[in-house]
Amino acid sequence: MIADTDRALLLRLAREAIASHVTRVYDPESALRALQSALLAQLGAAFVSLHARGDLRGCIGHIQANEPLGIVVPRCAVSACSSDPRFPPITSAELDDMEIEISLLGPFEPIASADEIEIGRHGLFVEQGRHRGLLLPQVATEWRWDVEAFLAQTCRKAGLPRDAWKNDAALFRFEAEVFAEPRRSGGSGRSGG
């Protein structure tokens, strides 16, 4: 678990990166303030999910722990607000209603069966050839999926048949530390990933 102050810092970095991207106003002092935390130099994998009035508005991540979180989180935040193919880019009018959720991913562990998955604890990653799909741990809980539905939806996200996890697809589980800005009213509250 990271400290509350580091959680707040990552959320602030994500918000400032989005605001700078959307408004085209850069605050150089923001980057200098961020350098005060050792957490930002730590290599990590992360996803940034954006919600507007509780509804998903963008979700982009970096799955390899090969870059510092101080780079990964702001970059994913900007990509989530501008490059998620499911949604149009965030506008400056939406900034005040936007809520940010960050998922810091733990290591991927290969698994051989559905029995190794715990809903609410594990996220899933499936890979077969060029097809890859990932769903964060909170997605299965929020959609009230059982393990088989979670596996099928992860395969579907990868563009694979829903039962690919039973065949030749490589399957991995992971845990994530998930934290967010306080939710505002309205919307369904469904997560991304």
C-alpha atoms as a PDB file:
ATOM      1  CA  MET A   1       0.000   0.000   0.000  1.00  0.00           C
ATOM      2  CA  ILE A   2       1.217   3.459  -0.782  1.00  0.00           C
ATOM      3  CA  ALA A   3       0.686   6.357   1.578  1.00  0.00           C
ATOM      4  CA  ASP A   4      -2.352   8.631   1.271  1.00  0.00           C
ATOM      5  CA  THR A   5      -0.040  11.532   0.437  1.00  0.00           C
ATOM      6  CA  ASP A   6       1.407   9.575  -2.506  1.00  0.00           C
ATOM      7  CA  ARG A   7      -2.078   8.611  -3.681  1.00  0.00           C
ATOM      8  CA  ALA A   8      -3.066  12.282  -3.592  1.00  0.00           C
ATOM      9  CA  LEU A   9       0.111  13.199  -5.475  1.00  0.00           C
ATOM     10  CA  LEU A  10      -0.546  10.671  -8.263  1.00  0.00           C
ATOM     11  CA  LEU A  11      -4.162  11.831  -8.584  1.00  0.00           C
ATOM     12  CA  ARG A  12      -3.031  15.464  -8.712  1.00  0.00           C
ATOM     13  CA  LEU A  13      -0.403  14.643 -11.359  1.00  0.00           C
ATOM     14  CA  ALA A  14      -3.013  12.875 -13.465  1.00  0.00           C
ATOM     15  CA  ARG A  15      -5.479  15.769 -13.149  1.00  0.00           C
ATOM     16  CA  GLU A  16      -2.844  18.400 -13.926  1.00  0.00           C
ATOM     17  CA  ALA A  17      -1.633  16.441 -16.967  1.00  0.00           C
ATOM     18  CA  ILE A  18      -5.189  16.186 -18.304  1.00  0.00           C
ATOM     19  CA  ALA A  19      -5.924  19.861 -17.644  1.00  0.00           C
ATOM     20  CA  SER A  20      -2.662  20.906 -19.333  1.00  0.00           C
ATOM     21  CA  HIS A  21      -3.439  18.731 -22.346  1.00  0.00           C
ATOM     22  CA  VAL A  22      -7.054  19.848 -22.703  1.00  0.00           C
ATOM     23  CA  THR A  23      -6.486  23.562 -22.056  1.00  0.00           C
ATOM     24  CA  ARG A  24      -3.006  23.704 -23.640  1.00  0.00           C
ATOM     25  CA  VAL A  25      -1.726  25.546 -20.539  1.00  0.00           C
ATOM     26  CA  TYR A  26       1.450  24.044 -19.051  1.00  0.00           C
ATOM     27  CA  ASP A  27       2.493  24.661 -15.430  1.00  0.00           C
ATOM     28  CA  PRO A  28       6.261  24.019 -15.079  1.00  0.00           C
ATOM     29  CA  GLU A  29       6.024  24.383 -11.283  1.00  0.00           C
ATOM     30  CA  SER A  30       3.753  21.319 -11.176  1.00  0.00           C
ATOM     31  CA  ALA A  31       6.522  19.061 -12.495  1.00  0.00           C
ATOM     32  CA  LEU A  32       8.991  20.444  -9.945  1.00  0.00           C
ATOM     33  CA  ARG A  33       6.585  19.845  -7.038  1.00  0.00           C
ATOM     34  CA  ALA A  34       6.072  16.267  -8.183  1.00  0.00           C
ATOM     35  CA  LEU A  35       9.769  15.462  -7.969  1.00  0.00           C
ATOM     36  CA  GLN A  36       9.559  15.538  -4.156  1.00  0.00           C
ATOM     37  CA  SER A  37       8.184  11.988  -3.916  1.00  0.00           C
ATOM     38  CA  ALA A  38      10.368   8.878  -4.195  1.00  0.00           C
ATOM     39  CA  LEU A  39       7.279   6.976  -5.378  1.00  0.00           C
ATOM     40  CA  LEU A  40       7.386   8.799  -8.700  1.00  0.00           C
ATOM     41  CA  ALA A  41      10.809   7.339  -9.495  1.00  0.00           C
ATOM     42  CA  GLN A  42       9.585   3.809  -8.758  1.00  0.00           C
ATOM     43  CA  LEU A  43       9.073   1.632 -11.836  1.00  0.00           C
ATOM     44  CA  GLY A  44       5.433   0.670 -12.153  1.00  0.00           C
ATOM     45  CA  ALA A  45       2.503  -0.396 -14.272  1.00  0.00           C
ATOM     46  CA  ALA A  46      -0.707   1.590 -14.004  1.00  0.00           C
ATOM     47  CA  PHE A  47      -4.105   2.324 -15.497  1.00  0.00           C
ATOM     48  CA  VAL A  48      -5.924   5.634 -15.344  1.00  0.00           C
ATOM     49  CA  SER A  49      -9.717   5.497 -15.610  1.00  0.00           C
ATOM     50  CA  LEU A  50     -11.780   8.637 -16.126  1.00  0.00           C
ATOM     51  CA  HIS A  51     -15.428   8.988 -15.175  1.00  0.00           C
ATOM     52  CA  ALA A  52     -17.854  11.800 -15.893  1.00  0.00           C
ATOM     53  CA  ARG A  53     -20.836  11.805 -13.534  1.00  0.00           C
ATOM     54  CA  GLY A  54     -20.022   8.194 -12.680  1.00  0.00           C
ATOM     55  CA  ASP A  55     -19.917   6.900 -16.257  1.00  0.00           C
ATOM     56  CA  LEU A  56     -16.696   5.664 -17.828  1.00  0.00           C
ATOM     57  CA  ARG A  57     -15.178   8.306 -20.093  1.00  0.00           C
ATOM     58  CA  GLY A  58     -11.757   6.806 -20.800  1.00  0.00           C
ATOM     59  CA  CYS A  59      -9.320   4.176 -19.553  1.00  0.00           C
ATOM     60  CA  ILE A  60      -5.740   3.635 -20.707  1.00  0.00           C
ATOM     61  CA  GLY A  61      -2.857   1.842 -19.059  1.00  0.00           C
ATOM     62  CA  HIS A  62       0.726   0.730 -19.229  1.00  0.00           C
ATOM     63  CA  ILE A  63       1.125  -2.942 -18.254  1.00  0.00           C
ATOM     64  CA  GLN A  64       4.885  -3.282 -17.902  1.00  0.00           C
ATOM     65  CA  ALA A  65       6.672  -2.024 -14.782  1.00  0.00           C
ATOM     66  CA  ASN A  66       9.521  -0.621 -16.846  1.00  0.00           C
ATOM     67  CA  GLU A  67       9.091   3.146 -16.474  1.00  0.00           C
ATOM     68  CA  PRO A  68       8.774   5.494 -13.481  1.00  0.00           C
ATOM     69  CA  LEU A  69       5.247   6.073 -12.156  1.00  0.00           C
ATOM     70  CA  GLY A  70       5.886   9.811 -12.407  1.00  0.00           C
ATOM     71  CA  ILE A  71       5.962   9.350 -16.187  1.00  0.00           C
ATOM     72  CA  VAL A  72       3.477   6.495 -16.587  1.00  0.00           C
ATOM     73  CA  VAL A  73       0.553   8.006 -14.665  1.00  0.00           C
ATOM     74  CA  PRO A  74       0.462  11.429 -16.382  1.00  0.00           C
ATOM     75  CA  ARG A  75       0.981   9.833 -19.812  1.00  0.00           C
ATOM     76  CA  CYS A  76      -1.848   7.334 -19.235  1.00  0.00           C
ATOM     77  CA  ALA A  77      -4.075  10.142 -17.953  1.00  0.00           C
ATOM     78  CA  VAL A  78      -3.535  12.184 -21.107  1.00  0.00           C
ATOM     79  CA  SER A  79      -4.101   9.109 -23.286  1.00  0.00           C
ATOM     80  CA  ALA A  80      -7.291   8.234 -21.382  1.00  0.00           C
ATOM     81  CA  CYS A  81      -8.675  11.731 -21.971  1.00  0.00           C
ATOM     82  CA  SER A  82      -7.669  11.926 -25.622  1.00  0.00           C
ATOM     83  CA  SER A  83      -6.934   8.523 -27.174  1.00  0.00           C
ATOM     84  CA  ASP A  84      -9.356   5.893 -25.849  1.00  0.00           C
ATOM     85  CA  PRO A  85     -10.982   4.766 -29.120  1.00  0.00           C
ATOM     86  CA  ARG A  86     -14.307   4.125 -27.373  1.00  0.00           C
ATOM     87  CA  PHE A  87     -14.857   7.813 -26.538  1.00  0.00           C
ATOM     88  CA  PRO A  88     -14.385  11.270 -28.047  1.00  0.00           C
ATOM     89  CA  PRO A  89     -11.642  13.369 -26.429  1.00  0.00           C
ATOM     90  CA  ILE A  90     -12.426  15.111 -23.137  1.00  0.00           C
ATOM     91  CA  THR A  91     -13.230  18.807 -23.536  1.00  0.00           C
ATOM     92  CA  SER A  92     -12.417  21.666 -21.186  1.00  0.00           C
ATOM     93  CA  ALA A  93     -16.131  21.886 -20.306  1.00  0.00           C
ATOM     94  CA  GLU A  94     -15.931  18.361 -18.846  1.00  0.00           C
ATOM     95  CA  LEU A  95     -12.911  18.917 -16.587  1.00  0.00           C
ATOM     96  CA  ASP A  96     -14.874  19.927 -13.484  1.00  0.00           C
ATOM     97  CA  ASP A  97     -17.159  16.855 -13.691  1.00  0.00           C
ATOM     98  CA  MET A  98     -14.362  14.381 -14.390  1.00  0.00           C
ATOM     99  CA  GLU A  99     -13.271  11.914 -11.695  1.00  0.00           C
ATOM    100  CA  ILE A 100      -9.943  10.101 -11.838  1.00  0.00           C
ATOM    101  CA  GLU A 101      -9.243   6.544 -10.677  1.00  0.00           C
ATOM    102  CA  ILE A 102      -5.747   5.058 -10.683  1.00  0.00           C
ATOM    103  CA  SER A 103      -4.935   1.348 -10.562  1.00  0.00           C
ATOM    104  CA  LEU A 104      -1.320   0.468  -9.735  1.00  0.00           C
ATOM    105  CA  LEU A 105      -0.754  -3.036 -11.087  1.00  0.00           C
ATOM    106  CA  GLY A 106       1.142  -5.740  -9.266  1.00  0.00           C
ATOM    107  CA  PRO A 107       3.147  -8.421 -11.081  1.00  0.00           C
ATOM    108  CA  PHE A 108       1.435 -10.728 -13.570  1.00  0.00           C
ATOM    109  CA  GLU A 109       1.259 -14.362 -12.481  1.00  0.00           C
ATOM    110  CA  PRO A 110       0.585 -17.115 -15.029  1.00  0.00           C
ATOM    111  CA  ILE A 111      -2.376 -19.307 -14.125  1.00  0.00           C
ATOM    112  CA  ALA A 112      -3.589 -22.631 -15.452  1.00  0.00           C
ATOM    113  CA  SER A 113      -7.213 -22.718 -14.305  1.00  0.00           C
ATOM    114  CA  ALA A 114     -10.190 -20.642 -13.261  1.00  0.00           C
ATOM    115  CA  ASP A 115      -9.765 -21.939  -9.704  1.00  0.00           C
ATOM    116  CA  GLU A 116      -6.792 -19.597  -9.284  1.00  0.00           C
ATOM    117  CA  ILE A 117      -8.911 -16.438  -9.711  1.00  0.00           C
ATOM    118  CA  GLU A 118     -10.603 -14.573  -6.872  1.00  0.00           C
ATOM    119  CA  ILE A 119     -13.235 -12.029  -7.921  1.00  0.00           C
ATOM    120  CA  GLY A 120     -12.542  -8.631  -6.401  1.00  0.00           C
ATOM    121  CA  ARG A 121      -8.890  -9.459  -5.796  1.00  0.00           C
ATOM    122  CA  HIS A 122      -7.484 -10.386  -9.200  1.00  0.00           C
ATOM    123  CA  GLY A 123      -7.451  -8.675 -12.549  1.00  0.00           C
ATOM    124  CA  LEU A 124      -6.964 -10.728 -15.700  1.00  0.00           C
ATOM    125  CA  PHE A 125      -4.723 -10.523 -18.727  1.00  0.00           C
ATOM    126  CA  VAL A 126      -5.106 -12.884 -21.697  1.00  0.00           C
ATOM    127  CA  GLU A 127      -2.800 -13.173 -24.674  1.00  0.00           C
ATOM    128  CA  GLN A 128      -2.881 -15.267 -27.829  1.00  0.00           C
ATOM    129  CA  GLY A 129      -0.790 -14.320 -30.826  1.00  0.00           C
ATOM    130  CA  ARG A 130      -1.275 -10.601 -31.391  1.00  0.00           C
ATOM    131  CA  HIS A 131      -4.480 -10.525 -29.358  1.00  0.00           C
ATOM    132  CA  ARG A 132      -4.234  -9.148 -25.834  1.00  0.00           C
ATOM    133  CA  GLY A 133      -6.879  -8.097 -23.348  1.00  0.00           C
ATOM    134  CA  LEU A 134      -6.866  -6.882 -19.771  1.00  0.00           C
ATOM    135  CA  LEU A 135      -9.616  -6.207 -17.259  1.00  0.00           C
ATOM    136  CA  LEU A 136      -8.921  -4.603 -13.896  1.00  0.00           C
ATOM    137  CA  PRO A 137      -9.977  -6.359 -10.653  1.00  0.00           C
ATOM    138  CA  GLN A 138     -12.778  -3.879  -9.942  1.00  0.00           C
ATOM    139  CA  VAL A 139     -14.516  -4.541 -13.273  1.00  0.00           C
ATOM    140  CA  ALA A 140     -15.725  -8.043 -12.347  1.00  0.00           C
ATOM    141  CA  THR A 141     -17.026  -6.824  -8.994  1.00  0.00           C
ATOM    142  CA  GLU A 142     -18.856  -3.839 -10.448  1.00  0.00           C
ATOM    143  CA  TRP A 143     -20.481  -5.911 -13.194  1.00  0.00           C
ATOM    144  CA  ARG A 144     -21.190  -8.757 -10.724  1.00  0.00           C
ATOM    145  CA  TRP A 145     -19.487 -11.342 -12.919  1.00  0.00           C
ATOM    146  CA  ASP A 146     -18.544 -14.793 -11.728  1.00  0.00           C
ATOM    147  CA  VAL A 147     -15.128 -16.212 -12.648  1.00  0.00           C
ATOM    148  CA  GLU A 148     -16.262 -17.735 -15.961  1.00  0.00           C
ATOM    149  CA  ALA A 149     -17.934 -14.494 -17.079  1.00  0.00           C
ATOM    150  CA  PHE A 150     -14.808 -12.542 -16.109  1.00  0.00           C
ATOM    151  CA  LEU A 151     -12.642 -14.904 -18.160  1.00  0.00           C
ATOM    152  CA  ALA A 152     -15.020 -14.731 -21.132  1.00  0.00           C
ATOM    153  CA  GLN A 153     -15.163 -10.927 -21.038  1.00  0.00           C
ATOM    154  CA  THR A 154     -11.370 -10.671 -20.853  1.00  0.00           C
ATOM    155  CA  CYS A 155     -11.102 -12.892 -23.940  1.00  0.00           C
ATOM    156  CA  ARG A 156     -13.783 -10.810 -25.668  1.00  0.00           C
ATOM    157  CA  LYS A 157     -11.830  -7.626 -24.916  1.00  0.00           C
ATOM    158  CA  ALA A 158      -8.782  -9.233 -26.565  1.00  0.00           C
ATOM    159  CA  GLY A 159     -10.829  -9.958 -29.687  1.00  0.00           C
ATOM    160  CA  LEU A 160     -10.710 -13.687 -29.009  1.00  0.00           C
ATOM    161  CA  PRO A 161     -13.504 -16.244 -28.744  1.00  0.00           C
ATOM    162  CA  ARG A 162     -15.074 -16.129 -25.270  1.00  0.00           C
ATOM    163  CA  ASP A 163     -13.705 -19.597 -24.474  1.00  0.00           C
ATOM    164  CA  ALA A 164     -10.115 -18.940 -25.655  1.00  0.00           C
ATOM    165  CA  TRP A 165      -8.983 -19.178 -22.032  1.00  0.00           C
ATOM    166  CA  LYS A 166      -9.843 -22.903 -22.149  1.00  0.00           C
ATOM    167  CA  ASN A 167      -7.648 -23.469 -25.194  1.00  0.00           C
ATOM    168  CA  ASP A 168      -4.260 -22.052 -26.176  1.00  0.00           C
ATOM    169  CA  ALA A 169      -4.484 -18.526 -24.771  1.00  0.00           C
ATOM    170  CA  ALA A 170      -1.960 -17.550 -22.087  1.00  0.00           C
ATOM    171  CA  LEU A 171      -3.744 -16.385 -18.938  1.00  0.00           C
ATOM    172  CA  PHE A 172      -2.370 -14.216 -16.146  1.00  0.00           C
ATOM    173  CA  ARG A 173      -3.787 -12.783 -12.948  1.00  0.00           C
ATOM    174  CA  PHE A 174      -2.626  -9.702 -11.065  1.00  0.00           C
ATOM    175  CA  GLU A 175      -3.599  -7.589  -8.105  1.00  0.00           C
ATOM    176  CA  ALA A 176      -3.954  -3.813  -8.157  1.00  0.00           C
ATOM    177  CA  GLU A 177      -4.005  -1.003  -5.656  1.00  0.00           C
ATOM    178  CA  VAL A 178      -6.978   1.098  -6.721  1.00  0.00           C
ATOM    179  CA  PHE A 179      -7.725   4.617  -5.485  1.00  0.00           C
ATOM    180  CA  ALA A 180      -9.743   7.527  -6.795  1.00  0.00           C
ATOM    181  CA  GLU A 181     -10.949  11.007  -6.304  1.00  0.00           C
ATOM    182  CA  PRO A 182     -14.313  11.109  -4.509  1.00  0.00           C
ATOM    183  CA  ARG A 183     -17.207  10.114  -6.773  1.00  0.00           C
ATOM    184  CA  ARG A 184     -19.642  12.819  -7.724  1.00  0.00           C
ATOM    185  CA  SER A 185     -23.359  12.151  -8.075  1.00  0.00           C
ATOM    186  CA  GLY A 186     -25.045  10.459 -11.030  1.00  0.00           C
ATOM    187  CA  GLY A 187     -24.093   7.766 -13.540  1.00  0.00           C
ATOM    188  CA  SER A 188     -23.668   4.043 -13.285  1.00  0.00           C
ATOM    189  CA  GLY A 189     -20.159   4.013 -11.782  1.00  0.00           C
ATOM    190  CA  ARG A 190     -18.899   1.278 -14.093  1.00  0.00           C
ATOM    191  CA  SER A 191     -15.097   0.965 -14.270  1.00  0.00           C
ATOM    192  CA  GLY A 192     -12.885   0.692 -17.271  1.00  0.00           C
ATOM    193  CA  GLY A 193      -9.919  -1.443 -17.996  1.00  0.00           C
END
